[in-house]
Amino acid sequence: MEKTLELLAELPEYFEKSWGLLFPEHGIEKLLFFDIETTGLSAKTSSLYLIGACYYHPERRGWELLQFFAEEFDDERLLLEEFHQFAGRFSLLLHYNGRSFDLPYLNAKCEMLSLPFRFEQDNVDIYQLFHKDKVVFPLNFPVENKKQRTLEALAGFARTDRLEGKELIRTYTEYKKERIYKKKEQAEAYRSLLLLHNHDDLCGLLCLCPLAGSVLLAKGAVAISCTRHEIRKEQGDAYILSLTFSSEAVFLPASLPLGTISEHGLTLELPGKFMELKYFFPDYKNYYYLPEEDMAVHKSVAEFVDRSRREKASPETCYIKKQGIFFRQPSKKPPVSPVFYEEYHGENAYFEWNDSLTDDIKSLLKLLS
């Protein structure tokens, strides 16, 4: 068995903030991220050849990555013993889908080898943080699935490794073959690919923690507030509504169609323009339409208007007009009220800014849909 140790590059400050939010009862030095590599899904018919562990070293004030690699098939026992002893220093194990695979696999191997221990520490499956929530990302990130690689890309982590699934098993098989033939350079090349894959899995897992902070935001577990807003005049009749949000939750560096996200907060910029739009009253049966004024009024007011100058309102004529600076919002279930349109059931929906909207954070964030 071989052990390799690597000091990882310094991580941004907001990473530590995310771990504090997600795991407040555990100090950062008590967290152990781990990932295993095997030649199959069944502990009975496959081999465990690599365990990677990532942890914070308080004295070095940095993150280290320790890898336990099986050079021979019968290194499994030593691999498990070494990792179990090492993991005992930590109070919380963190993994991605490890409750379904990694932990059951390790414990099954321990039983097969008649080892007197099991991996039974408290643990958190990062995958479950995302999987259980139908609306995981309150900022509507474009997520097509919740595979680790998909979320890593969203979190801004760029993998160097390109191996997956069966390719990894073939690579380990080739490594073993080259060792048998004593071709050290070729064996080392395959070994490096296997270690790189595990390295990227663990570094990617670290990067998901700030992203998982947005789950807390979606659940309402942390606060968010609109700390700044302004309307800027652009060319002609065009305007920009700029909103800045701050939160305990971690915002990852990202670019969105309507704004930017950074560790410092979320800036949302909405294009708008000076227009004349219509607000349609929903209960049209209680209104009259005044053709000369081109507007609808409630029947309690319309009774004072000459009958020849009024008519019962229809859904299409039950409106009032307003001029102002308006901003687009999602046409399907517009979140900000009141909703203005160019025509009845118009293709585009709009809203007019007022300062009281700074208290309606939920609706404002839905503008990113």
Protein backbone atom coordinates (compact mmCIF):
# COMPACT_ATOMS: atom_id res chain seq x y z
CA MET A 1 0.00 0.00 0.00
CA GLU A 2 1.15 3.52 -0.77
CA LYS A 3 0.18 6.82 0.84
CA THR A 4 0.50 10.17 -0.90
CA LEU A 5 0.00 13.58 0.73
CA GLU A 6 -0.67 16.88 -1.03
CA LEU A 7 -1.21 20.38 0.33
CA LEU A 8 -4.04 21.95 -1.65
CA ALA A 9 -3.97 25.47 -2.99
CA GLU A 10 -5.43 28.13 -0.73
CA LEU A 11 -9.21 28.26 -0.88
CA PRO A 12 -11.27 31.49 -0.94
CA GLU A 13 -12.48 32.84 2.41
CA TYR A 14 -16.12 32.20 1.60
CA PHE A 15 -15.47 28.45 1.67
CA GLU A 16 -14.91 28.54 5.41
CA LYS A 17 -18.08 30.60 5.75
CA SER A 18 -20.06 27.90 3.96
CA TRP A 19 -18.80 25.12 6.24
CA GLY A 20 -19.70 27.19 9.28
CA LEU A 21 -23.26 27.56 7.98
CA LEU A 22 -23.70 23.94 6.98
CA PHE A 23 -22.00 22.23 9.94
CA PRO A 24 -22.09 24.71 12.86
CA GLU A 25 -21.74 21.99 15.51
CA HIS A 26 -18.41 20.76 14.07
CA GLY A 27 -15.19 22.74 13.90
CA ILE A 28 -13.57 22.92 10.48
CA GLU A 29 -10.70 20.74 11.74
CA LYS A 30 -13.19 17.94 12.57
CA LEU A 31 -14.52 17.55 9.02
CA LEU A 32 -13.26 14.72 6.82
CA PHE A 33 -14.25 14.57 3.15
CA PHE A 34 -13.62 11.18 1.59
CA ASP A 35 -14.17 9.23 -1.61
CA ILE A 36 -13.39 5.64 -2.58
CA GLU A 37 -12.49 3.98 -5.89
CA THR A 38 -13.36 0.36 -6.62
CA THR A 39 -13.40 -2.04 -9.55
CA GLY A 40 -17.16 -2.58 -9.26
CA LEU A 41 -20.31 -1.92 -7.29
CA SER A 42 -20.41 -5.10 -5.20
CA ALA A 43 -17.99 -5.49 -2.30
CA LYS A 44 -18.17 -9.28 -2.77
CA THR A 45 -17.06 -9.33 -6.40
CA SER A 46 -14.87 -6.24 -6.75
CA SER A 47 -11.75 -4.70 -5.20
CA LEU A 48 -11.18 -1.53 -3.22
CA TYR A 49 -8.03 0.12 -4.56
CA LEU A 50 -8.11 3.75 -3.45
CA ILE A 51 -9.44 5.89 -0.59
CA GLY A 52 -8.95 9.64 -0.72
CA ALA A 53 -9.37 11.93 2.29
CA CYS A 54 -9.43 15.71 2.41
CA TYR A 55 -9.20 17.65 5.68
CA TYR A 56 -8.12 20.95 7.19
CA HIS A 57 -4.75 20.99 8.95
CA PRO A 58 -4.93 23.68 11.69
CA GLU A 59 -1.18 23.96 12.16
CA ARG A 60 -0.46 24.39 8.47
CA ARG A 61 -3.67 26.46 8.14
CA GLY A 62 -4.55 24.74 4.91
CA TRP A 63 -6.31 21.78 3.33
CA GLU A 64 -4.49 18.51 2.72
CA LEU A 65 -5.39 15.56 0.54
CA LEU A 66 -4.24 12.13 1.70
CA GLN A 67 -4.64 9.12 -0.62
CA PHE A 68 -4.37 5.45 0.36
CA PHE A 69 -3.58 3.44 -2.78
CA ALA A 70 -3.59 -0.37 -3.11
CA GLU A 71 -0.62 -1.44 -5.17
CA GLU A 72 -1.69 -5.06 -4.80
CA PHE A 73 -5.13 -6.65 -4.61
CA ASP A 74 -4.43 -7.99 -1.13
CA ASP A 75 -3.73 -4.47 0.16
CA GLU A 76 -7.44 -4.04 0.93
CA ARG A 77 -7.09 -5.02 4.60
CA LEU A 78 -4.24 -2.58 5.17
CA LEU A 79 -6.10 0.12 3.25
CA LEU A 80 -9.14 -0.23 5.50
CA GLU A 81 -7.12 -0.40 8.72
CA GLU A 82 -5.07 2.68 7.88
CA PHE A 83 -8.07 4.73 6.79
CA HIS A 84 -10.18 3.70 9.78
CA GLN A 85 -7.44 4.71 12.18
CA PHE A 86 -7.00 8.03 10.37
CA ALA A 87 -10.74 8.76 10.16
CA GLY A 88 -11.05 8.31 13.92
CA ARG A 89 -9.50 11.75 14.35
CA PHE A 90 -12.60 13.39 12.86
CA SER A 91 -16.17 13.77 14.12
CA LEU A 92 -17.98 14.15 10.77
CA LEU A 93 -17.50 12.27 7.50
CA LEU A 94 -18.63 14.01 4.32
CA HIS A 95 -19.19 12.35 0.96
CA TYR A 96 -21.24 12.47 -2.23
CA ASN A 97 -23.83 9.70 -2.42
CA GLY A 98 -21.75 7.82 0.12
CA ARG A 99 -24.73 6.55 2.07
CA SER A 100 -25.79 4.59 -0.97
CA PHE A 101 -22.35 3.34 -1.99
CA ASP A 102 -19.14 4.34 -0.17
CA LEU A 103 -20.11 3.56 3.43
CA PRO A 104 -22.03 0.32 2.72
CA TYR A 105 -19.14 -0.84 0.53
CA LEU A 106 -16.51 -0.12 3.19
CA ASN A 107 -18.50 -1.82 5.92
CA ALA A 108 -19.20 -4.84 3.72
CA LYS A 109 -15.47 -5.18 3.05
CA CYS A 110 -14.75 -4.96 6.78
CA GLU A 111 -17.19 -7.80 7.39
CA MET A 112 -15.75 -9.93 4.57
CA LEU A 113 -12.23 -9.50 5.96
CA SER A 114 -13.40 -10.13 9.55
CA LEU A 115 -12.13 -6.72 10.65
CA PRO A 116 -13.29 -5.70 14.16
CA PHE A 117 -14.45 -2.20 13.20
CA ARG A 118 -16.99 -0.40 11.05
CA PHE A 119 -17.28 3.14 9.73
CA GLU A 120 -20.06 4.45 11.95
CA GLN A 121 -19.22 8.10 12.61
CA ASP A 122 -21.72 10.85 12.03
CA ASN A 123 -21.80 11.58 8.33
CA VAL A 124 -23.39 13.95 5.85
CA ASP A 125 -24.21 13.04 2.28
CA ILE A 126 -23.72 16.24 0.27
CA TYR A 127 -25.76 14.67 -2.52
CA GLN A 128 -28.79 14.50 -0.24
CA LEU A 129 -28.59 18.24 0.44
CA PHE A 130 -29.39 18.80 -3.21
CA HIS A 131 -31.46 15.71 -3.97
CA LYS A 132 -34.21 16.22 -1.40
CA ASP A 133 -35.19 19.71 -2.55
CA LYS A 134 -37.34 20.08 -5.64
CA VAL A 135 -36.32 23.73 -5.86
CA VAL A 136 -32.74 23.52 -4.73
CA PHE A 137 -31.38 26.73 -6.12
CA PRO A 138 -33.37 29.83 -5.22
CA LEU A 139 -31.49 31.75 -7.88
CA ASN A 140 -32.61 29.34 -10.59
CA PHE A 141 -29.23 28.09 -11.68
CA PRO A 142 -29.38 26.10 -14.93
CA VAL A 143 -29.01 22.59 -13.48
CA GLU A 144 -29.92 19.69 -15.77
CA ASN A 145 -29.14 17.01 -13.16
CA LYS A 146 -27.53 16.61 -9.75
CA LYS A 147 -24.50 14.56 -10.66
CA GLN A 148 -21.37 15.72 -8.89
CA ARG A 149 -19.69 16.77 -12.13
CA THR A 150 -22.70 18.88 -13.12
CA LEU A 151 -22.75 20.71 -9.81
CA GLU A 152 -18.97 21.12 -9.85
CA ALA A 153 -19.20 23.03 -13.12
CA LEU A 154 -21.91 25.22 -11.61
CA ALA A 155 -19.67 25.89 -8.61
CA GLY A 156 -16.86 26.97 -10.92
CA PHE A 157 -14.60 23.94 -10.40
CA ALA A 158 -12.72 22.87 -13.53
CA ARG A 159 -11.68 19.22 -13.50
CA THR A 160 -8.43 18.06 -15.07
CA ASP A 161 -9.50 14.40 -14.85
CA ARG A 162 -11.50 12.97 -17.73
CA LEU A 163 -12.01 9.34 -16.61
CA GLU A 164 -15.36 7.88 -15.61
CA GLY A 165 -16.89 4.52 -14.70
CA LYS A 166 -15.55 1.62 -16.73
CA GLU A 167 -12.60 3.71 -17.93
CA LEU A 168 -11.34 3.83 -14.34
CA ILE A 169 -11.60 0.06 -13.96
CA ARG A 170 -9.72 -0.48 -17.23
CA THR A 171 -7.07 2.00 -16.09
CA TYR A 172 -6.52 0.14 -12.81
CA THR A 173 -6.37 -3.16 -14.71
CA GLU A 174 -3.72 -1.70 -17.02
CA TYR A 175 -1.81 -0.41 -13.99
CA LYS A 176 -1.75 -3.91 -12.48
CA LYS A 177 -0.67 -5.46 -15.77
CA GLU A 178 2.23 -3.02 -16.22
CA ARG A 179 3.39 -3.71 -12.64
CA ILE A 180 3.44 -7.43 -13.34
CA TYR A 181 5.54 -6.79 -16.44
CA LYS A 182 7.72 -4.43 -14.37
CA LYS A 183 7.11 -1.52 -16.71
CA LYS A 184 7.48 1.18 -14.09
CA GLU A 185 6.96 4.25 -16.31
CA GLN A 186 3.77 2.90 -17.86
CA ALA A 187 2.45 1.75 -14.47
CA GLU A 188 3.20 5.16 -12.96
CA ALA A 189 1.30 6.87 -15.77
CA TYR A 190 -1.83 4.79 -15.07
CA ARG A 191 -1.46 5.28 -11.31
CA SER A 192 -1.26 9.06 -11.81
CA LEU A 193 -4.53 9.02 -13.75
CA LEU A 194 -6.26 7.10 -10.96
CA LEU A 195 -4.98 9.45 -8.27
CA LEU A 196 -5.97 12.47 -10.35
CA HIS A 197 -9.54 11.24 -10.66
CA ASN A 198 -9.83 10.78 -6.91
CA HIS A 199 -8.13 14.14 -6.34
CA ASP A 200 -10.66 15.94 -8.55
CA ASP A 201 -13.58 14.11 -6.94
CA LEU A 202 -12.50 15.39 -3.53
CA CYS A 203 -11.62 18.92 -4.60
CA GLY A 204 -14.92 19.11 -6.47
CA LEU A 205 -16.72 17.94 -3.36
CA LEU A 206 -15.14 20.76 -1.35
CA CYS A 207 -16.36 23.25 -3.94
CA LEU A 208 -19.95 22.06 -3.58
CA CYS A 209 -20.21 23.29 0.01
CA PRO A 210 -20.61 26.98 -0.90
CA LEU A 211 -23.18 25.88 -3.48
CA ALA A 212 -24.99 23.89 -0.80
CA GLY A 213 -25.28 27.12 1.17
CA SER A 214 -27.92 28.20 -1.33
CA VAL A 215 -30.05 25.28 -0.14
CA LEU A 216 -30.22 26.95 3.26
CA LEU A 217 -31.35 30.10 1.54
CA ALA A 218 -34.08 28.20 -0.31
CA LYS A 219 -35.29 26.70 2.98
CA GLY A 220 -35.41 30.11 4.63
CA ALA A 221 -32.75 29.00 7.12
CA VAL A 222 -30.65 32.10 6.50
CA ALA A 223 -31.68 35.69 5.88
CA ILE A 224 -31.25 37.74 2.72
CA SER A 225 -31.92 41.44 2.29
CA CYS A 226 -31.88 44.04 -0.46
CA THR A 227 -29.17 46.45 0.65
CA ARG A 228 -29.08 48.79 -2.36
CA HIS A 229 -31.26 49.75 -5.28
CA GLU A 230 -31.07 52.37 -7.99
CA ILE A 231 -32.59 53.16 -11.36
CA ARG A 232 -30.08 54.35 -13.96
CA LYS A 233 -31.00 56.31 -17.08
CA GLU A 234 -29.60 54.80 -20.26
CA GLN A 235 -29.92 55.99 -23.86
CA GLY A 236 -33.31 57.19 -25.07
CA ASP A 237 -36.18 55.83 -22.98
CA ALA A 238 -34.14 52.92 -21.59
CA TYR A 239 -33.41 52.40 -17.89
CA ILE A 240 -31.63 49.83 -15.70
CA LEU A 241 -32.90 48.73 -12.28
CA SER A 242 -29.91 47.61 -10.20
CA LEU A 243 -30.56 45.61 -7.00
CA THR A 244 -27.91 44.36 -4.58
CA PHE A 245 -28.67 41.56 -2.12
CA SER A 246 -26.62 40.45 0.88
CA SER A 247 -26.95 37.28 2.89
CA GLU A 248 -25.29 34.95 5.33
CA ALA A 249 -25.64 32.31 2.63
CA VAL A 250 -22.72 31.92 0.29
CA PHE A 251 -22.97 33.26 -3.22
CA LEU A 252 -20.59 31.66 -5.68
CA PRO A 253 -18.83 33.58 -8.44
CA ALA A 254 -21.10 33.16 -11.43
CA SER A 255 -22.64 35.04 -14.30
CA LEU A 256 -26.37 35.11 -14.90
CA PRO A 257 -28.36 36.60 -17.79
CA LEU A 258 -29.71 39.31 -15.48
CA GLY A 259 -26.84 39.88 -13.11
CA THR A 260 -23.76 38.62 -11.34
CA ILE A 261 -23.10 36.57 -8.22
CA SER A 262 -20.01 36.77 -6.06
CA GLU A 263 -18.95 35.94 -2.54
CA HIS A 264 -19.90 39.50 -1.69
CA GLY A 265 -23.52 39.19 -2.74
CA LEU A 266 -25.89 39.13 -5.65
CA THR A 267 -26.33 42.01 -8.05
CA LEU A 268 -29.42 41.86 -10.23
CA GLU A 269 -29.82 44.24 -13.17
CA LEU A 270 -33.12 44.47 -15.00
CA PRO A 271 -33.62 46.41 -18.22
CA GLY A 272 -36.64 48.70 -18.43
CA LYS A 273 -38.03 51.66 -20.29
CA PHE A 274 -40.51 54.49 -20.04
CA MET A 275 -43.85 53.17 -21.33
CA GLU A 276 -47.60 53.45 -21.09
CA LEU A 277 -49.07 50.13 -19.95
CA LYS A 278 -52.35 48.72 -18.71
CA TYR A 279 -53.35 47.20 -15.40
CA PHE A 280 -56.29 44.82 -15.81
CA PHE A 281 -58.72 44.46 -12.92
CA PRO A 282 -59.51 40.78 -12.27
CA ASP A 283 -63.19 41.21 -11.29
CA TYR A 284 -64.37 42.84 -14.51
CA LYS A 285 -68.08 42.22 -13.72
CA ASN A 286 -67.84 44.90 -11.04
CA TYR A 287 -66.54 47.53 -13.47
CA TYR A 288 -67.74 49.75 -16.28
CA TYR A 289 -65.65 50.84 -19.24
CA LEU A 290 -65.63 54.53 -20.20
CA PRO A 291 -64.80 54.71 -23.96
CA GLU A 292 -64.07 58.44 -24.00
CA GLU A 293 -61.56 58.16 -21.16
CA ASP A 294 -60.35 54.71 -22.31
CA MET A 295 -60.41 53.33 -18.78
CA ALA A 296 -62.51 51.21 -16.44
CA VAL A 297 -64.04 52.39 -13.17
CA HIS A 298 -65.74 50.50 -10.38
CA LYS A 299 -69.53 50.36 -10.58
CA SER A 300 -69.80 52.35 -7.36
CA VAL A 301 -68.23 55.25 -9.26
CA ALA A 302 -69.74 54.48 -12.67
CA GLU A 303 -73.28 55.00 -11.34
CA PHE A 304 -72.57 58.74 -11.38
CA VAL A 305 -71.60 58.62 -15.07
CA ASP A 306 -74.20 59.10 -17.80
CA ARG A 307 -75.30 55.72 -19.17
CA SER A 308 -74.55 56.80 -22.73
CA ARG A 309 -70.89 57.31 -21.79
CA ARG A 310 -70.33 53.95 -20.12
CA GLU A 311 -70.64 50.27 -20.93
CA LYS A 312 -70.17 47.08 -18.98
CA ALA A 313 -66.55 46.14 -18.89
CA SER A 314 -65.21 42.97 -20.47
CA PRO A 315 -61.98 41.23 -19.51
CA GLU A 316 -60.31 43.05 -22.43
CA THR A 317 -61.55 46.55 -21.45
CA CYS A 318 -61.33 46.33 -17.66
CA TYR A 319 -58.11 48.31 -17.26
CA ILE A 320 -56.53 51.59 -16.32
CA LYS A 321 -53.51 53.06 -18.06
CA LYS A 322 -50.36 54.27 -16.44
CA GLN A 323 -47.20 55.92 -17.70
CA GLY A 324 -43.92 55.24 -15.97
CA ILE A 325 -40.70 53.26 -15.97
CA PHE A 326 -41.51 49.56 -16.23
CA PHE A 327 -39.37 46.44 -16.00
CA ARG A 328 -39.96 43.02 -17.54
CA GLN A 329 -40.81 40.05 -15.35
CA PRO A 330 -41.62 36.39 -16.09
CA SER A 331 -44.88 36.19 -18.04
CA LYS A 332 -45.80 32.86 -16.46
CA LYS A 333 -46.87 33.54 -12.87
CA PRO A 334 -45.35 37.04 -12.62
CA PRO A 335 -43.97 37.35 -9.07
CA VAL A 336 -44.19 41.14 -8.58
CA SER A 337 -47.56 42.84 -8.20
CA PRO A 338 -49.25 44.81 -9.60
CA VAL A 339 -48.67 43.30 -13.05
CA PHE A 340 -48.93 45.52 -16.13
CA TYR A 341 -49.40 44.47 -19.75
CA GLU A 342 -49.43 46.10 -23.15
CA GLU A 343 -52.68 44.29 -24.00
CA TYR A 344 -54.99 41.77 -22.36
CA HIS A 345 -53.13 38.45 -22.03
CA GLY A 346 -50.14 40.21 -23.54
CA GLU A 347 -47.00 38.26 -24.30
CA ASN A 348 -44.90 40.31 -21.88
CA ALA A 349 -45.51 41.18 -18.23
CA TYR A 350 -44.07 44.19 -16.43
CA PHE A 351 -43.86 45.80 -13.01
CA GLU A 352 -43.20 49.30 -11.77
CA TRP A 353 -40.55 49.72 -9.09
CA ASN A 354 -41.43 51.12 -5.68
CA ASP A 355 -39.25 51.13 -2.58
CA SER A 356 -41.59 48.88 -0.61
CA LEU A 357 -40.51 46.01 -2.89
CA THR A 358 -37.21 45.81 -1.02
CA ASP A 359 -39.15 43.96 1.69
CA ASP A 360 -40.50 41.40 -0.81
CA ILE A 361 -37.24 39.49 -1.32
CA LYS A 362 -38.98 36.26 -2.32
CA SER A 363 -40.67 37.92 -5.28
CA LEU A 364 -37.58 39.82 -6.35
CA LEU A 365 -35.47 36.65 -6.48
CA LYS A 366 -38.09 35.02 -8.68
CA LEU A 367 -37.29 37.64 -11.30
CA LEU A 368 -34.30 35.45 -12.12
CA SER A 369 -36.56 32.68 -13.43
